[in-house]
Amino acid sequence: MRSAFTPARLIILFTGLVMPRMCIAQEVNADSLFGVSKNMSQHDTVRLAALNQFLWAGFMHQDPDSAYVLNEERLDLAKAKGYRQPEAEATVCAGSSTPRRASCQGHCGPYRLPSHHDSLGKKSGVGAALSGIGSIYYYQGDMVSAMKYFEQGLTAYEEAGHEPGIAICLNNIGNVHADTGEPAKALACYERVLKIRRSQKNVRGIASTLNNIGLIHADMAGGSNKSGNKALAATQRDQAITELNESIGYYRQVGRSPGRVWRACQHC
């Protein structure tokens, strides 16, 4: 069954998917990064690296259209100078930003998997690109194709040993299961994600994952209640409330408003 709180889960998928470096939960001075990227006295590779960090640190989500223009400038510079690694990173960034821009424009553009990442042994880059493709299919409602690319992205991240990326793909796979009426499979994915994010002390990631787990238990409580299993429904409801309240606590630690989670908690 589809959850009454699915929109909250979709927002979490979107945020997690296109910002893999944010999973490390490091504070970044965005203004300083942007300044370095525009400082012509810096070497081109330094400027490109700073712009890459700036985009992933949040600007791509605050102003996706402007970020897209900046990233295109980065891609042009990398190509002109023959810097293959920055070119591959810019290609991944362009593809990963597509779902956010498309969500405002009502269409999804083409997305090419950057072969440079594979040739350079950057399996984590391949994972990010594959996840970006999966996200596009997800927002088009093609869950079969979305799952295919999320699973391929997971494999690439696992081969790279990139735990933040593994968590992102598992989260997205869990979202597909949740939206196709397989809450038990979704819960198994989210619990794996939570274990990774707790080990990394990723407060923001812990908050979003606890939210997802709470929503799943709320779904399950509703199903148990309809089937007449009142005792199980009560247990699942209590689990949901506990997890959503814990999620609220973590969101407050990072200065995020827990209002959406709180409203979900009130409906458990």
C-alpha atoms as a PDB file:
ATOM      1  CA  MET A   1       0.000   0.000   0.000  1.00  0.00           C
ATOM      2  CA  ARG A   2       1.188   3.554  -0.601  1.00  0.00           C
ATOM      3  CA  SER A   3       1.857   5.559   2.497  1.00  0.00           C
ATOM      4  CA  ALA A   4      -0.153   8.610   3.413  1.00  0.00           C
ATOM      5  CA  PHE A   5       3.205  10.179   4.148  1.00  0.00           C
ATOM      6  CA  THR A   6       4.891   9.298   0.854  1.00  0.00           C
ATOM      7  CA  PRO A   7       5.687  12.967  -0.036  1.00  0.00           C
ATOM      8  CA  ALA A   8       7.979  13.246   2.989  1.00  0.00           C
ATOM      9  CA  ARG A   9       9.756  10.096   1.923  1.00  0.00           C
ATOM     10  CA  LEU A  10      10.196  11.387  -1.630  1.00  0.00           C
ATOM     11  CA  ILE A  11      11.806  14.583  -0.386  1.00  0.00           C
ATOM     12  CA  ILE A  12      14.299  12.561   1.595  1.00  0.00           C
ATOM     13  CA  LEU A  13      15.110  10.420  -1.410  1.00  0.00           C
ATOM     14  CA  PHE A  14      15.728  13.482  -3.522  1.00  0.00           C
ATOM     15  CA  THR A  15      17.930  15.210  -1.031  1.00  0.00           C
ATOM     16  CA  GLY A  16      19.982  12.141  -0.347  1.00  0.00           C
ATOM     17  CA  LEU A  17      20.412  11.073  -3.898  1.00  0.00           C
ATOM     18  CA  VAL A  18      21.892  14.074  -5.549  1.00  0.00           C
ATOM     19  CA  MET A  19      24.236  15.097  -2.762  1.00  0.00           C
ATOM     20  CA  PRO A  20      26.479  12.090  -2.095  1.00  0.00           C
ATOM     21  CA  ARG A  21      29.282  14.154  -0.568  1.00  0.00           C
ATOM     22  CA  MET A  22      26.870  15.682   1.929  1.00  0.00           C
ATOM     23  CA  CYS A  23      26.514  12.282   3.578  1.00  0.00           C
ATOM     24  CA  ILE A  24      29.910  12.838   5.176  1.00  0.00           C
ATOM     25  CA  ALA A  25      28.218  15.564   7.227  1.00  0.00           C
ATOM     26  CA  GLN A  26      31.146  17.967   7.184  1.00  0.00           C
ATOM     27  CA  GLU A  27      30.642  21.691   7.567  1.00  0.00           C
ATOM     28  CA  VAL A  28      31.746  23.546   4.454  1.00  0.00           C
ATOM     29  CA  ASN A  29      32.243  27.297   4.093  1.00  0.00           C
ATOM     30  CA  ALA A  30      30.379  27.778   0.833  1.00  0.00           C
ATOM     31  CA  ASP A  31      31.366  31.431   0.394  1.00  0.00           C
ATOM     32  CA  SER A  32      35.052  30.577   0.693  1.00  0.00           C
ATOM     33  CA  LEU A  33      34.732  27.766  -1.825  1.00  0.00           C
ATOM     34  CA  PHE A  34      32.986  30.014  -4.316  1.00  0.00           C
ATOM     35  CA  GLY A  35      35.664  32.661  -3.809  1.00  0.00           C
ATOM     36  CA  VAL A  36      38.409  30.164  -4.564  1.00  0.00           C
ATOM     37  CA  SER A  37      36.575  28.984  -7.689  1.00  0.00           C
ATOM     38  CA  LYS A  38      36.533  32.563  -9.042  1.00  0.00           C
ATOM     39  CA  ASN A  39      40.113  33.433  -8.036  1.00  0.00           C
ATOM     40  CA  MET A  40      42.037  33.511 -11.321  1.00  0.00           C
ATOM     41  CA  SER A  41      45.358  33.423  -9.454  1.00  0.00           C
ATOM     42  CA  GLN A  42      44.587  29.857  -8.393  1.00  0.00           C
ATOM     43  CA  HIS A  43      45.498  26.916 -10.596  1.00  0.00           C
ATOM     44  CA  ASP A  44      42.615  25.710 -12.757  1.00  0.00           C
ATOM     45  CA  THR A  45      42.491  22.341 -11.003  1.00  0.00           C
ATOM     46  CA  VAL A  46      42.159  24.089  -7.611  1.00  0.00           C
ATOM     47  CA  ARG A  47      39.357  26.299  -8.942  1.00  0.00           C
ATOM     48  CA  LEU A  48      37.539  23.312 -10.435  1.00  0.00           C
ATOM     49  CA  ALA A  49      37.818  21.325  -7.211  1.00  0.00           C
ATOM     50  CA  ALA A  50      36.489  24.261  -5.173  1.00  0.00           C
ATOM     51  CA  LEU A  51      33.538  24.720  -7.512  1.00  0.00           C
ATOM     52  CA  ASN A  52      32.774  21.012  -7.298  1.00  0.00           C
ATOM     53  CA  GLN A  53      32.636  21.245  -3.486  1.00  0.00           C
ATOM     54  CA  PHE A  54      30.566  24.422  -3.635  1.00  0.00           C
ATOM     55  CA  LEU A  55      27.921  22.860  -5.853  1.00  0.00           C
ATOM     56  CA  TRP A  56      27.608  19.691  -3.773  1.00  0.00           C
ATOM     57  CA  ALA A  57      27.632  21.657  -0.510  1.00  0.00           C
ATOM     58  CA  GLY A  58      24.129  22.877  -1.198  1.00  0.00           C
ATOM     59  CA  PHE A  59      23.992  25.461  -3.987  1.00  0.00           C
ATOM     60  CA  MET A  60      22.762  22.865  -6.458  1.00  0.00           C
ATOM     61  CA  HIS A  61      19.669  22.472  -4.284  1.00  0.00           C
ATOM     62  CA  GLN A  62      19.156  26.119  -3.365  1.00  0.00           C
ATOM     63  CA  ASP A  63      19.269  27.388  -6.953  1.00  0.00           C
ATOM     64  CA  PRO A  64      19.442  24.422  -9.348  1.00  0.00           C
ATOM     65  CA  ASP A  65      19.195  26.467 -12.542  1.00  0.00           C
ATOM     66  CA  SER A  66      22.067  28.796 -11.602  1.00  0.00           C
ATOM     67  CA  ALA A  67      24.047  25.805 -10.380  1.00  0.00           C
ATOM     68  CA  TYR A  68      23.517  24.130 -13.742  1.00  0.00           C
ATOM     69  CA  VAL A  69      25.002  27.173 -15.518  1.00  0.00           C
ATOM     70  CA  LEU A  70      28.023  27.189 -13.189  1.00  0.00           C
ATOM     71  CA  ASN A  71      28.534  23.487 -13.728  1.00  0.00           C
ATOM     72  CA  GLU A  72      28.398  23.914 -17.506  1.00  0.00           C
ATOM     73  CA  GLU A  73      31.175  26.521 -17.203  1.00  0.00           C
ATOM     74  CA  ARG A  74      33.156  24.024 -15.139  1.00  0.00           C
ATOM     75  CA  LEU A  75      32.595  21.307 -17.720  1.00  0.00           C
ATOM     76  CA  ASP A  76      33.712  23.577 -20.574  1.00  0.00           C
ATOM     77  CA  LEU A  77      36.893  24.557 -18.720  1.00  0.00           C
ATOM     78  CA  ALA A  78      37.732  20.958 -17.852  1.00  0.00           C
ATOM     79  CA  LYS A  79      37.253  19.877 -21.466  1.00  0.00           C
ATOM     80  CA  ALA A  80      39.300  22.787 -22.806  1.00  0.00           C
ATOM     81  CA  LYS A  81      42.194  22.010 -20.471  1.00  0.00           C
ATOM     82  CA  GLY A  82      41.969  18.254 -20.901  1.00  0.00           C
ATOM     83  CA  TYR A  83      41.322  17.557 -17.219  1.00  0.00           C
ATOM     84  CA  ARG A  84      39.558  14.207 -17.376  1.00  0.00           C
ATOM     85  CA  GLN A  85      38.763  13.787 -13.683  1.00  0.00           C
ATOM     86  CA  PRO A  86      37.089  17.235 -13.276  1.00  0.00           C
ATOM     87  CA  GLU A  87      35.268  16.627 -16.572  1.00  0.00           C
ATOM     88  CA  ALA A  88      33.874  13.355 -15.250  1.00  0.00           C
ATOM     89  CA  GLU A  89      32.870  15.020 -11.958  1.00  0.00           C
ATOM     90  CA  ALA A  90      31.103  17.823 -13.825  1.00  0.00           C
ATOM     91  CA  THR A  91      29.245  15.293 -15.966  1.00  0.00           C
ATOM     92  CA  VAL A  92      28.035  13.453 -12.866  1.00  0.00           C
ATOM     93  CA  CYS A  93      26.961  16.746 -11.298  1.00  0.00           C
ATOM     94  CA  ALA A  94      24.994  17.695 -14.419  1.00  0.00           C
ATOM     95  CA  GLY A  95      23.223  14.361 -14.496  1.00  0.00           C
ATOM     96  CA  SER A  96      22.509  14.324 -10.783  1.00  0.00           C
ATOM     97  CA  SER A  97      20.923  17.781 -10.949  1.00  0.00           C
ATOM     98  CA  THR A  98      18.588  16.782 -13.775  1.00  0.00           C
ATOM     99  CA  PRO A  99      15.759  15.405 -11.574  1.00  0.00           C
ATOM    100  CA  ARG A 100      15.584  18.592  -9.505  1.00  0.00           C
ATOM    101  CA  ARG A 101      15.458  20.836 -12.558  1.00  0.00           C
ATOM    102  CA  ALA A 102      13.046  18.504 -14.325  1.00  0.00           C
ATOM    103  CA  SER A 103      10.714  18.489 -11.327  1.00  0.00           C
ATOM    104  CA  CYS A 104      10.140  22.195 -11.905  1.00  0.00           C
ATOM    105  CA  GLN A 105       9.962  22.036 -15.690  1.00  0.00           C
ATOM    106  CA  GLY A 106       7.862  18.923 -16.154  1.00  0.00           C
ATOM    107  CA  HIS A 107      10.351  16.954 -18.207  1.00  0.00           C
ATOM    108  CA  CYS A 108      13.541  14.967 -17.851  1.00  0.00           C
ATOM    109  CA  GLY A 109      16.461  15.547 -20.156  1.00  0.00           C
ATOM    110  CA  PRO A 110      18.928  12.934 -21.421  1.00  0.00           C
ATOM    111  CA  TYR A 111      21.724  11.819 -19.149  1.00  0.00           C
ATOM    112  CA  ARG A 112      24.942  10.250 -20.378  1.00  0.00           C
ATOM    113  CA  LEU A 113      26.930   7.982 -18.075  1.00  0.00           C
ATOM    114  CA  PRO A 114      30.431   9.514 -17.840  1.00  0.00           C
ATOM    115  CA  SER A 115      32.836   6.885 -19.169  1.00  0.00           C
ATOM    116  CA  HIS A 116      35.854   8.770 -17.772  1.00  0.00           C
ATOM    117  CA  HIS A 117      34.943   7.708 -14.252  1.00  0.00           C
ATOM    118  CA  ASP A 118      35.086   4.042 -15.195  1.00  0.00           C
ATOM    119  CA  SER A 119      38.334   4.414 -17.126  1.00  0.00           C
ATOM    120  CA  LEU A 120      39.915   6.198 -14.178  1.00  0.00           C
ATOM    121  CA  GLY A 121      38.788   3.544 -11.740  1.00  0.00           C
ATOM    122  CA  LYS A 122      36.300   5.895 -10.080  1.00  0.00           C
ATOM    123  CA  LYS A 123      33.598   3.389  -9.314  1.00  0.00           C
ATOM    124  CA  SER A 124      32.042   5.826  -6.860  1.00  0.00           C
ATOM    125  CA  GLY A 125      31.531   8.250  -9.758  1.00  0.00           C
ATOM    126  CA  VAL A 126      29.851   5.520 -11.779  1.00  0.00           C
ATOM    127  CA  GLY A 127      27.635   4.824  -8.776  1.00  0.00           C
ATOM    128  CA  ALA A 128      26.612   8.469  -8.569  1.00  0.00           C
ATOM    129  CA  ALA A 129      25.830   8.583 -12.269  1.00  0.00           C
ATOM    130  CA  LEU A 130      23.777   5.398 -12.190  1.00  0.00           C
ATOM    131  CA  SER A 131      21.890   6.702  -9.166  1.00  0.00           C
ATOM    132  CA  GLY A 132      21.146   9.890 -11.062  1.00  0.00           C
ATOM    133  CA  ILE A 133      19.644   7.890 -13.923  1.00  0.00           C
ATOM    134  CA  GLY A 134      17.600   5.890 -11.428  1.00  0.00           C
ATOM    135  CA  SER A 135      16.300   9.112  -9.916  1.00  0.00           C
ATOM    136  CA  ILE A 136      15.105  10.347 -13.297  1.00  0.00           C
ATOM    137  CA  TYR A 137      13.149   7.130 -13.865  1.00  0.00           C
ATOM    138  CA  TYR A 138      11.814   7.302 -10.304  1.00  0.00           C
ATOM    139  CA  TYR A 139      10.292  10.725 -10.842  1.00  0.00           C
ATOM    140  CA  GLN A 140       8.838   9.594 -14.150  1.00  0.00           C
ATOM    141  CA  GLY A 141       7.084   6.807 -12.250  1.00  0.00           C
ATOM    142  CA  ASP A 142       9.047   3.993 -13.924  1.00  0.00           C
ATOM    143  CA  MET A 143       9.859   2.003 -10.792  1.00  0.00           C
ATOM    144  CA  VAL A 144      11.217  -1.019 -12.672  1.00  0.00           C
ATOM    145  CA  SER A 145      13.880   1.048 -14.452  1.00  0.00           C
ATOM    146  CA  ALA A 146      14.569   3.080 -11.316  1.00  0.00           C
ATOM    147  CA  MET A 147      15.225  -0.092  -9.336  1.00  0.00           C
ATOM    148  CA  LYS A 148      17.510  -1.417 -12.074  1.00  0.00           C
ATOM    149  CA  TYR A 149      19.745   1.651 -11.973  1.00  0.00           C
ATOM    150  CA  PHE A 150      19.671   2.033  -8.194  1.00  0.00           C
ATOM    151  CA  GLU A 151      20.840  -1.587  -7.876  1.00  0.00           C
ATOM    152  CA  GLN A 152      23.586  -1.027 -10.445  1.00  0.00           C
ATOM    153  CA  GLY A 153      24.645   2.083  -8.566  1.00  0.00           C
ATOM    154  CA  LEU A 154      24.723   0.095  -5.336  1.00  0.00           C
ATOM    155  CA  THR A 155      27.011  -2.496  -6.932  1.00  0.00           C
ATOM    156  CA  ALA A 156      29.383   0.223  -8.163  1.00  0.00           C
ATOM    157  CA  TYR A 157      29.510   1.873  -4.745  1.00  0.00           C
ATOM    158  CA  GLU A 158      30.100  -1.493  -3.061  1.00  0.00           C
ATOM    159  CA  GLU A 159      32.994  -2.215  -5.413  1.00  0.00           C
ATOM    160  CA  ALA A 160      34.454   1.183  -4.515  1.00  0.00           C
ATOM    161  CA  GLY A 161      33.894   0.618  -0.790  1.00  0.00           C
ATOM    162  CA  HIS A 162      32.084   3.961  -0.696  1.00  0.00           C
ATOM    163  CA  GLU A 163      29.779   3.679   2.311  1.00  0.00           C
ATOM    164  CA  PRO A 164      27.955   7.025   1.913  1.00  0.00           C
ATOM    165  CA  GLY A 165      27.046   6.016  -1.640  1.00  0.00           C
ATOM    166  CA  ILE A 166      25.991   2.547  -0.506  1.00  0.00           C
ATOM    167  CA  ALA A 167      23.657   4.195   2.003  1.00  0.00           C
ATOM    168  CA  ILE A 168      22.198   6.500  -0.651  1.00  0.00           C
ATOM    169  CA  CYS A 169      21.422   3.654  -3.048  1.00  0.00           C
ATOM    170  CA  LEU A 170      19.990   1.443  -0.297  1.00  0.00           C
ATOM    171  CA  ASN A 171      17.779   4.356   0.764  1.00  0.00           C
ATOM    172  CA  ASN A 172      16.515   4.809  -2.782  1.00  0.00           C
ATOM    173  CA  ILE A 173      15.912   1.087  -3.243  1.00  0.00           C
ATOM    174  CA  GLY A 174      13.969   1.169   0.017  1.00  0.00           C
ATOM    175  CA  ASN A 175      11.866   4.041  -1.316  1.00  0.00           C
ATOM    176  CA  VAL A 176      10.967   2.040  -4.414  1.00  0.00           C
ATOM    177  CA  HIS A 177       9.946  -0.919  -2.255  1.00  0.00           C
ATOM    178  CA  ALA A 178       7.875   1.392  -0.052  1.00  0.00           C
ATOM    179  CA  ASP A 179       6.100   2.920  -3.022  1.00  0.00           C
ATOM    180  CA  THR A 180       5.364  -0.449  -4.639  1.00  0.00           C
ATOM    181  CA  GLY A 181       3.751  -1.977  -1.564  1.00  0.00           C
ATOM    182  CA  GLU A 182       6.683  -3.925  -0.122  1.00  0.00           C
ATOM    183  CA  PRO A 183       7.172  -2.339   3.330  1.00  0.00           C
ATOM    184  CA  ALA A 184       9.136  -5.269   4.790  1.00  0.00           C
ATOM    185  CA  LYS A 185      11.763  -5.006   2.029  1.00  0.00           C
ATOM    186  CA  ALA A 186      11.831  -1.223   2.420  1.00  0.00           C
ATOM    187  CA  LEU A 187      12.367  -1.577   6.154  1.00  0.00           C
ATOM    188  CA  ALA A 188      15.283  -3.976   5.623  1.00  0.00           C
ATOM    189  CA  CYS A 189      16.969  -1.430   3.333  1.00  0.00           C
ATOM    190  CA  TYR A 190      16.399   1.482   5.693  1.00  0.00           C
ATOM    191  CA  GLU A 191      17.780  -0.469   8.655  1.00  0.00           C
ATOM    192  CA  ARG A 192      20.983  -1.129   6.705  1.00  0.00           C
ATOM    193  CA  VAL A 193      21.170   2.569   5.862  1.00  0.00           C
ATOM    194  CA  LEU A 194      20.705   3.522   9.509  1.00  0.00           C
ATOM    195  CA  LYS A 195      23.547   1.228  10.585  1.00  0.00           C
ATOM    196  CA  ILE A 196      25.915   2.873   8.079  1.00  0.00           C
ATOM    197  CA  ARG A 197      24.890   6.405   8.979  1.00  0.00           C
ATOM    198  CA  ARG A 198      25.187   5.773  12.712  1.00  0.00           C
ATOM    199  CA  SER A 199      28.691   4.392  12.182  1.00  0.00           C
ATOM    200  CA  GLN A 200      29.603   7.573  10.292  1.00  0.00           C
ATOM    201  CA  LYS A 201      27.934   9.824  12.889  1.00  0.00           C
ATOM    202  CA  ASN A 202      26.017  11.417  10.001  1.00  0.00           C
ATOM    203  CA  VAL A 203      23.395  13.285  12.024  1.00  0.00           C
ATOM    204  CA  ARG A 204      21.400  14.552   9.054  1.00  0.00           C
ATOM    205  CA  GLY A 205      21.395  11.088   7.500  1.00  0.00           C
ATOM    206  CA  ILE A 206      20.351   9.453  10.757  1.00  0.00           C
ATOM    207  CA  ALA A 207      17.444  11.895  11.027  1.00  0.00           C
ATOM    208  CA  SER A 208      16.132  11.209   7.513  1.00  0.00           C
ATOM    209  CA  THR A 209      16.541   7.449   7.867  1.00  0.00           C
ATOM    210  CA  LEU A 210      14.730   7.301  11.195  1.00  0.00           C
ATOM    211  CA  ASN A 211      11.969   9.294   9.517  1.00  0.00           C
ATOM    212  CA  ASN A 212      11.737   6.705   6.744  1.00  0.00           C
ATOM    213  CA  ILE A 213      11.688   3.817   9.209  1.00  0.00           C
ATOM    214  CA  GLY A 214       9.003   5.533  11.263  1.00  0.00           C
ATOM    215  CA  LEU A 215       6.854   6.060   8.189  1.00  0.00           C
ATOM    216  CA  ILE A 216       7.170   2.387   7.283  1.00  0.00           C
ATOM    217  CA  HIS A 217       6.079   1.302  10.750  1.00  0.00           C
ATOM    218  CA  ALA A 218       3.173   3.739  10.499  1.00  0.00           C
ATOM    219  CA  ASP A 219       2.200   2.097   7.190  1.00  0.00           C
ATOM    220  CA  MET A 220       2.447  -1.330   8.757  1.00  0.00           C
ATOM    221  CA  ALA A 221       0.325  -0.231  11.728  1.00  0.00           C
ATOM    222  CA  GLY A 222      -2.387   0.911   9.358  1.00  0.00           C
ATOM    223  CA  GLY A 223      -2.323  -2.423   7.535  1.00  0.00           C
ATOM    224  CA  SER A 224      -2.400  -4.419  10.750  1.00  0.00           C
ATOM    225  CA  ASN A 225      -5.298  -2.350  12.039  1.00  0.00           C
ATOM    226  CA  LYS A 226      -7.316  -2.950   8.865  1.00  0.00           C
ATOM    227  CA  SER A 227      -6.681  -6.688   9.082  1.00  0.00           C
ATOM    228  CA  GLY A 228      -7.989  -6.728  12.635  1.00  0.00           C
ATOM    229  CA  ASN A 229      -4.671  -7.354  14.397  1.00  0.00           C
ATOM    230  CA  LYS A 230      -5.056  -4.569  16.944  1.00  0.00           C
ATOM    231  CA  ALA A 231      -2.189  -5.709  19.188  1.00  0.00           C
ATOM    232  CA  LEU A 232       0.343  -5.736  16.350  1.00  0.00           C
ATOM    233  CA  ALA A 233      -0.976  -2.400  15.092  1.00  0.00           C
ATOM    234  CA  ALA A 234      -0.437  -0.865  18.531  1.00  0.00           C
ATOM    235  CA  THR A 235       3.138  -2.181  18.679  1.00  0.00           C
ATOM    236  CA  GLN A 236       3.954  -0.862  15.222  1.00  0.00           C
ATOM    237  CA  ARG A 237       2.346   2.472  16.036  1.00  0.00           C
ATOM    238  CA  ASP A 238       4.493   2.793  19.163  1.00  0.00           C
ATOM    239  CA  GLN A 239       7.602   1.959  17.104  1.00  0.00           C
ATOM    240  CA  ALA A 240       6.670   4.623  14.568  1.00  0.00           C
ATOM    241  CA  ILE A 241       6.141   7.293  17.226  1.00  0.00           C
ATOM    242  CA  THR A 242       9.458   6.435  18.912  1.00  0.00           C
ATOM    243  CA  GLU A 243      11.388   6.576  15.621  1.00  0.00           C
ATOM    244  CA  LEU A 244       9.743   9.768  14.407  1.00  0.00           C
ATOM    245  CA  ASN A 245      10.377  11.489  17.733  1.00  0.00           C
ATOM    246  CA  GLU A 246      14.016  10.375  17.622  1.00  0.00           C
ATOM    247  CA  SER A 247      14.206  11.724  14.084  1.00  0.00           C
ATOM    248  CA  ILE A 248      12.924  15.082  15.313  1.00  0.00           C
ATOM    249  CA  GLY A 249      15.722  15.212  17.863  1.00  0.00           C
ATOM    250  CA  TYR A 250      18.388  14.629  15.233  1.00  0.00           C
ATOM    251  CA  TYR A 251      16.856  17.177  12.846  1.00  0.00           C
ATOM    252  CA  ARG A 252      17.015  19.779  15.613  1.00  0.00           C
ATOM    253  CA  GLN A 253      20.710  19.023  16.112  1.00  0.00           C
ATOM    254  CA  VAL A 254      21.420  20.185  12.559  1.00  0.00           C
ATOM    255  CA  GLY A 255      19.068  23.158  12.731  1.00  0.00           C
ATOM    256  CA  ARG A 256      16.397  21.665  10.503  1.00  0.00           C
ATOM    257  CA  SER A 257      12.701  22.206  11.116  1.00  0.00           C
ATOM    258  CA  PRO A 258      11.089  18.894  12.117  1.00  0.00           C
ATOM    259  CA  GLY A 259       7.600  20.135  11.254  1.00  0.00           C
ATOM    260  CA  ARG A 260       6.952  17.623   8.484  1.00  0.00           C
ATOM    261  CA  VAL A 261       8.092  14.745  10.671  1.00  0.00           C
ATOM    262  CA  TRP A 262       6.046  16.052  13.602  1.00  0.00           C
ATOM    263  CA  ARG A 263       2.872  16.153  11.490  1.00  0.00           C
ATOM    264  CA  ALA A 264       3.491  12.549  10.454  1.00  0.00           C
ATOM    265  CA  CYS A 265       4.002  11.614  14.095  1.00  0.00           C
ATOM    266  CA  GLN A 266       0.692  13.216  15.049  1.00  0.00           C
ATOM    267  CA  HIS A 267      -1.121  10.966  12.548  1.00  0.00           C
ATOM    268  CA  CYS A 268       0.382   7.697  13.806  1.00  0.00           C
END
